[in-house]
Protein backbone atom coordinates (compact mmCIF):
# COMPACT_ATOMS: atom_id res chain seq x y z
CA MET A 1 10.11 -1.25 -5.17
CA ALA A 2 6.45 -0.23 -5.12
CA ASP A 3 5.50 3.01 -6.81
CA LEU A 4 2.66 4.65 -4.93
CA SER A 5 2.77 8.15 -6.31
CA ASP A 6 -1.00 8.52 -5.95
CA GLU A 7 -1.01 6.81 -2.52
CA ALA A 8 -4.70 6.01 -2.85
CA ASN A 9 -6.03 4.61 0.41
CA LEU A 10 -3.03 3.41 2.37
CA ILE A 11 -2.43 2.71 6.02
CA ILE A 12 1.20 3.04 7.05
CA PHE A 13 1.64 1.54 10.53
CA ASP A 14 4.23 0.28 13.01
CA ALA A 15 3.97 -3.48 12.56
CA ASP A 16 5.92 -4.02 15.81
CA CYS A 17 3.30 -2.19 17.89
CA ILE A 18 0.44 -4.29 19.23
CA PHE A 19 -1.99 -1.35 18.96
CA CYS A 20 -0.93 -0.37 15.45
CA SER A 21 -0.93 -3.89 14.07
CA GLY A 22 -4.25 -4.55 15.80
CA PHE A 23 -5.64 -1.44 14.12
CA ALA A 24 -4.37 -2.67 10.73
CA ARG A 25 -5.96 -6.10 11.28
CA PHE A 26 -9.23 -4.43 12.32
CA MET A 27 -9.24 -2.25 9.22
CA ALA A 28 -8.46 -5.18 6.91
CA LYS A 29 -11.31 -7.17 8.42
CA HIS A 30 -13.93 -4.41 8.36
CA ASP A 31 -12.94 -2.70 5.10
CA LYS A 32 -15.48 -4.73 3.11
CA GLN A 33 -14.69 -2.93 -0.16
CA ALA A 34 -10.97 -3.70 0.31
CA GLU A 35 -10.16 -0.06 -0.36
CA PHE A 36 -7.07 0.11 1.85
CA ARG A 37 -3.63 -1.35 1.29
CA PHE A 38 -1.10 -1.60 4.09
CA VAL A 39 2.57 -0.68 4.49
CA SER A 40 4.87 -1.36 7.42
CA ALA A 41 6.31 1.92 8.67
CA ARG A 42 9.67 0.19 9.15
CA SER A 43 9.93 -0.89 5.50
CA ASP A 44 11.83 1.17 2.92
CA LEU A 45 8.56 2.36 1.42
CA GLY A 46 7.10 3.15 4.83
CA GLN A 47 10.19 5.17 5.75
CA ARG A 48 9.97 7.13 2.48
CA LEU A 49 6.28 7.85 3.09
CA TYR A 50 7.00 9.14 6.60
CA VAL A 51 9.60 11.54 5.19
CA LYS A 52 7.27 12.56 2.35
CA HIS A 53 4.61 13.54 4.90
CA GLY A 54 7.06 15.48 7.08
CA LEU A 55 7.35 12.88 9.83
CA ASP A 56 10.41 11.44 11.54
CA PRO A 57 10.80 7.89 10.16
CA ASP A 58 12.71 6.84 13.28
CA ALA A 59 10.12 8.01 15.80
CA LEU A 60 7.04 6.26 14.30
CA GLU A 61 4.80 8.32 16.60
CA THR A 62 1.71 7.99 14.44
CA ASN A 63 0.05 5.86 11.83
CA ILE A 64 -0.50 7.58 8.52
CA VAL A 65 -3.84 7.02 6.86
CA VAL A 66 -4.04 8.18 3.26
CA LEU A 67 -7.64 8.38 2.08
CA ASP A 68 -8.48 9.68 -1.39
CA GLY A 69 -5.02 11.26 -1.63
CA GLN A 70 -5.29 13.14 1.69
CA ALA A 71 -2.89 12.11 4.49
CA TYR A 72 -4.10 12.01 8.09
CA THR A 73 -2.05 11.52 11.24
CA LYS A 74 -2.69 11.02 14.95
CA MET A 75 -6.34 11.07 16.02
CA ALA A 76 -7.42 12.41 12.62
CA SER A 77 -6.07 9.20 11.04
CA PHE A 78 -8.29 7.13 13.34
CA ALA A 79 -11.36 9.28 12.59
CA ALA A 80 -10.79 9.23 8.81
CA SER A 81 -10.37 5.47 8.76
CA MET A 82 -13.50 4.90 10.87
CA ARG A 83 -15.55 7.19 8.62
CA SER A 84 -14.41 5.17 5.62
CA LEU A 85 -15.90 1.96 7.05
CA GLY A 86 -19.47 3.21 7.20
CA THR A 87 -21.98 2.61 9.99
CA PRO A 88 -21.60 1.58 12.79
CA TRP A 89 -17.84 2.22 12.76
CA SER A 90 -18.19 5.73 11.36
CA LEU A 91 -19.78 6.75 14.66
CA LEU A 92 -16.33 6.47 16.25
CA ALA A 93 -15.29 9.50 14.21
CA ILE A 94 -16.93 11.44 17.03
CA VAL A 95 -13.37 11.94 18.29
CA ASN A 96 -13.24 14.76 15.73
CA LEU A 97 -15.48 16.73 18.09
CA LEU A 98 -12.61 16.96 20.57
CA PRO A 99 -10.32 19.95 20.25
CA VAL A 100 -7.39 18.90 18.05
CA SER A 101 -4.87 19.67 20.80
CA LEU A 102 -6.71 17.42 23.28
CA ALA A 103 -7.25 14.62 20.76
CA ASN A 104 -3.58 14.66 19.75
CA TRP A 105 -2.47 14.84 23.42
CA ILE A 106 -4.43 11.63 24.11
CA TYR A 107 -3.04 9.99 20.96
CA ASP A 108 0.52 11.02 21.87
CA ARG A 109 0.23 9.57 25.40
CA ILE A 110 -0.81 6.21 23.98
CA ALA A 111 1.78 6.30 21.17
CA ARG A 112 4.68 7.13 23.48
CA ASN A 113 3.79 4.30 25.84
CA ARG A 114 2.58 1.75 23.30
CA TYR A 115 5.36 -0.77 23.89
CA ALA A 116 4.72 -0.71 27.64
CA PHE A 117 1.08 -1.71 27.00
CA GLY A 118 1.86 -4.74 24.89
CA LYS A 119 4.57 -6.90 23.51
CA ARG A 120 6.65 -5.66 20.60
CA SER A 121 6.26 -8.94 18.76
CA CYS A 122 2.81 -9.07 17.25
CA PRO A 123 0.92 -12.04 15.89
CA LEU A 124 1.19 -12.83 12.21
CA PRO A 125 -1.11 -10.74 10.04
CA SER A 126 -4.55 -12.08 9.25
CA SER A 127 -5.16 -13.41 5.76
CA GLU A 128 -7.21 -10.26 4.98
CA LEU A 129 -4.25 -8.10 5.90
CA LYS A 130 -1.56 -10.29 4.32
CA ASP A 131 -3.33 -10.21 0.93
CA ARG A 132 -3.30 -6.39 0.93
CA PHE A 133 0.15 -5.81 2.41
CA ILE A 134 2.46 -3.89 0.09
CA ASP A 135 5.79 -3.74 1.89
């Protein structure tokens, strides 16, 4: 079992969600420095990380982005990951200008309906993502 006590630059995501897995594929492709590693939220390690960060491992209502040891959830996870990619992607971190309650409300609406928007069975991970997948 992987030991990630420092959790340096991880993305923990719902691999069954078309949005979440699409986000992970996007990050793997555009993370030119290969700083992030990826963990399925449904794996044993993913479940432990959800609990560690005070989240319900059965609900999977948010991705967790760990960047330089700091964990981000909901819209803050999106903003942190975009900032890490540099320009032009870092411009998408503008979502941080929204009030947190509004940003998280938007995120929650998408997260709660994510399976209605797309199929639960997602395409196989890209080679960029597969090479950096932990569990």
